[in-house]
C-alpha atoms as a PDB file:
ATOM      1  CA  UNK A   1      69.445  20.984 197.756  1.00  0.00           C
ATOM      2  CA  UNK A   2      68.802  20.748 201.604  1.00  0.00           C
ATOM      3  CA  UNK A   3      72.403  18.987 203.535  1.00  0.00           C
ATOM      4  CA  UNK A   4      70.537  15.738 204.801  1.00  0.00           C
ATOM      5  CA  UNK A   5      70.807  16.314 209.286  1.00  0.00           C
ATOM      6  CA  UNK A   6      71.374  19.687 208.504  1.00  0.00           C
ATOM      7  CA  UNK A   7      68.521  21.679 207.200  1.00  0.00           C
ATOM      8  CA  UNK A   8      71.412  23.737 205.837  1.00  0.00           C
ATOM      9  CA  UNK A   9      71.621  24.205 201.487  1.00  0.00           C
ATOM     10  CA  UNK A  10      74.803  23.165 199.699  1.00  0.00           C
ATOM     11  CA  UNK A  11      76.179  26.175 197.722  1.00  0.00           C
ATOM     12  CA  UNK A  12      75.692  25.204 194.094  1.00  0.00           C
ATOM     13  CA  UNK A  13      78.554  24.529 191.913  1.00  0.00           C
ATOM     14  CA  UNK A  14      79.580  27.027 189.415  1.00  0.00           C
ATOM     15  CA  UNK A  15      78.375  25.599 185.797  1.00  0.00           C
ATOM     16  CA  UNK A  16      81.805  25.984 183.725  1.00  0.00           C
ATOM     17  CA  UNK A  17      82.057  25.633 180.106  1.00  0.00           C
ATOM     18  CA  UNK A  18      83.200  22.709 178.902  1.00  0.00           C
ATOM     19  CA  UNK A  19      85.181  24.183 176.228  1.00  0.00           C
ATOM     20  CA  UNK A  20      89.120  25.715 176.408  1.00  0.00           C
ATOM     21  CA  UNK A  21      89.422  29.423 175.185  1.00  0.00           C
ATOM     22  CA  UNK A  22      92.611  28.825 173.796  1.00  0.00           C
ATOM     23  CA  UNK A  23      92.375  24.454 172.484  1.00  0.00           C
ATOM     24  CA  UNK A  24      89.687  23.987 169.657  1.00  0.00           C
ATOM     25  CA  UNK A  25      89.787  20.435 170.241  1.00  0.00           C
ATOM     26  CA  UNK A  26      86.081  18.538 172.398  1.00  0.00           C
ATOM     27  CA  UNK A  27      87.117  15.356 174.457  1.00  0.00           C
ATOM     28  CA  UNK A  28      83.827  14.819 176.287  1.00  0.00           C
ATOM     29  CA  UNK A  29      80.847  13.148 174.317  1.00  0.00           C
ATOM     30  CA  UNK A  30      78.100  15.868 175.890  1.00  0.00           C
ATOM     31  CA  UNK A  31      80.142  18.498 173.701  1.00  0.00           C
ATOM     32  CA  UNK A  32      78.210  18.880 170.807  1.00  0.00           C
ATOM     33  CA  UNK A  33      79.529  23.043 169.503  1.00  0.00           C
ATOM     34  CA  UNK A  34      81.282  25.623 170.553  1.00  0.00           C
ATOM     35  CA  UNK A  35      81.809  28.858 169.126  1.00  0.00           C
ATOM     36  CA  UNK A  36      83.668  31.713 169.835  1.00  0.00           C
ATOM     37  CA  UNK A  37      81.818  35.439 169.285  1.00  0.00           C
ATOM     38  CA  UNK A  38      83.092  38.911 169.429  1.00  0.00           C
ATOM     39  CA  UNK A  39      86.311  38.122 170.895  1.00  0.00           C
ATOM     40  CA  UNK A  40      84.712  37.922 174.102  1.00  0.00           C
ATOM     41  CA  UNK A  41      82.103  35.154 174.458  1.00  0.00           C
ATOM     42  CA  UNK A  42      81.696  31.587 174.355  1.00  0.00           C
ATOM     43  CA  UNK A  43      79.063  29.408 173.397  1.00  0.00           C
ATOM     44  CA  UNK A  44      78.459  26.366 173.430  1.00  0.00           C
ATOM     45  CA  UNK A  45      76.182  23.300 173.168  1.00  0.00           C
ATOM     46  CA  UNK A  46      76.536  20.645 175.614  1.00  0.00           C
ATOM     47  CA  UNK A  47      73.778  16.913 175.732  1.00  0.00           C
ATOM     48  CA  UNK A  48      72.468  16.937 179.058  1.00  0.00           C
ATOM     49  CA  UNK A  49      73.602  13.113 178.287  1.00  0.00           C
ATOM     50  CA  UNK A  50      75.800  11.460 175.803  1.00  0.00           C
ATOM     51  CA  UNK A  51      73.529  10.547 173.605  1.00  0.00           C
ATOM     52  CA  UNK A  52      70.627  12.455 174.598  1.00  0.00           C
ATOM     53  CA  UNK A  53      68.326  14.792 172.177  1.00  0.00           C
ATOM     54  CA  UNK A  54      68.265  17.469 175.195  1.00  0.00           C
ATOM     55  CA  UNK A  55      70.839  19.784 176.250  1.00  0.00           C
ATOM     56  CA  UNK A  56      71.486  23.336 177.083  1.00  0.00           C
ATOM     57  CA  UNK A  57      72.682  26.320 175.296  1.00  0.00           C
ATOM     58  CA  UNK A  58      75.112  27.789 177.264  1.00  0.00           C
ATOM     59  CA  UNK A  59      76.214  31.493 176.913  1.00  0.00           C
ATOM     60  CA  UNK A  60      80.011  32.751 179.224  1.00  0.00           C
ATOM     61  CA  UNK A  61      81.686  35.937 179.550  1.00  0.00           C
ATOM     62  CA  UNK A  62      84.983  35.154 178.813  1.00  0.00           C
ATOM     63  CA  UNK A  63      86.070  38.509 179.450  1.00  0.00           C
ATOM     64  CA  UNK A  64      84.987  38.323 183.496  1.00  0.00           C
ATOM     65  CA  UNK A  65      86.189  34.723 184.104  1.00  0.00           C
ATOM     66  CA  UNK A  66      84.321  32.574 182.267  1.00  0.00           C
ATOM     67  CA  UNK A  67      80.802  33.719 184.136  1.00  0.00           C
ATOM     68  CA  UNK A  68      77.700  32.241 182.721  1.00  0.00           C
ATOM     69  CA  UNK A  69      75.461  34.324 180.932  1.00  0.00           C
ATOM     70  CA  UNK A  70      72.787  31.998 179.697  1.00  0.00           C
ATOM     71  CA  UNK A  71      72.709  28.112 179.765  1.00  0.00           C
ATOM     72  CA  UNK A  72      69.584  27.797 178.468  1.00  0.00           C
ATOM     73  CA  UNK A  73      67.547  24.078 177.654  1.00  0.00           C
ATOM     74  CA  UNK A  74      67.586  22.994 173.845  1.00  0.00           C
ATOM     75  CA  UNK A  75      66.563  19.995 171.307  1.00  0.00           C
ATOM     76  CA  UNK A  76      69.452  18.947 169.810  1.00  0.00           C
ATOM     77  CA  UNK A  77      68.198  17.279 166.077  1.00  0.00           C
ATOM     78  CA  UNK A  78      71.645  16.259 164.849  1.00  0.00           C
ATOM     79  CA  UNK A  79      73.390  12.206 165.477  1.00  0.00           C
ATOM     80  CA  UNK A  80      75.958  12.528 167.949  1.00  0.00           C
ATOM     81  CA  UNK A  81      78.003  11.043 165.258  1.00  0.00           C
ATOM     82  CA  UNK A  82      77.440  13.776 162.856  1.00  0.00           C
ATOM     83  CA  UNK A  83      77.426  16.733 164.954  1.00  0.00           C
ATOM     84  CA  UNK A  84      74.328  19.187 164.549  1.00  0.00           C
ATOM     85  CA  UNK A  85      71.967  19.364 161.828  1.00  0.00           C
ATOM     86  CA  UNK A  86      72.670  23.086 159.829  1.00  0.00           C
ATOM     87  CA  UNK A  87      69.506  24.388 160.645  1.00  0.00           C
ATOM     88  CA  UNK A  88      70.345  23.570 164.511  1.00  0.00           C
ATOM     89  CA  UNK A  89      73.123  25.103 164.222  1.00  0.00           C
ATOM     90  CA  UNK A  90      71.910  28.682 162.690  1.00  0.00           C
ATOM     91  CA  UNK A  91      69.103  28.930 165.541  1.00  0.00           C
ATOM     92  CA  UNK A  92      71.900  28.617 167.574  1.00  0.00           C
ATOM     93  CA  UNK A  93      73.839  31.054 166.274  1.00  0.00           C
ATOM     94  CA  UNK A  94      70.741  33.075 165.186  1.00  0.00           C
ATOM     95  CA  UNK A  95      69.809  32.322 168.839  1.00  0.00           C
ATOM     96  CA  UNK A  96      73.394  33.615 170.454  1.00  0.00           C
ATOM     97  CA  UNK A  97      74.151  36.892 168.260  1.00  0.00           C
ATOM     98  CA  UNK A  98      69.959  38.176 169.515  1.00  0.00           C
ATOM     99  CA  UNK A  99      70.913  37.190 173.464  1.00  0.00           C
ATOM    100  CA  UNK A 100      74.803  39.594 172.647  1.00  0.00           C
ATOM    101  CA  UNK A 101      72.793  41.575 170.734  1.00  0.00           C
ATOM    102  CA  UNK A 102      70.280  42.535 172.853  1.00  0.00           C
ATOM    103  CA  UNK A 103      71.597  42.747 176.544  1.00  0.00           C
ATOM    104  CA  UNK A 104      74.325  40.233 176.697  1.00  0.00           C
ATOM    105  CA  UNK A 105      76.910  42.959 176.499  1.00  0.00           C
ATOM    106  CA  UNK A 106      75.290  45.233 179.886  1.00  0.00           C
ATOM    107  CA  UNK A 107      75.022  42.003 181.745  1.00  0.00           C
END
């Protein structure tokens, strides 16, 4: 993103998790689901907008100051009022497990 007038790039803001490691409450309407994996990884699904069917699957390394390891676009089937559909939840969990077991530990 260029700064108007100077042509210099503005630094990108780091993506931080909406979920808090030590607090299970969610107060952001974009938050669909979150979990901890292997006592190290914080995983969340965040909607692009509060009622959007699109969002991001994010994996953060909590032991490395919540460094973002994965930020993939996803389609969210479940109704925002009721939470994620069980099939999509299982698919997200499988995707995260494959990512973590396939190399996130070495990232």
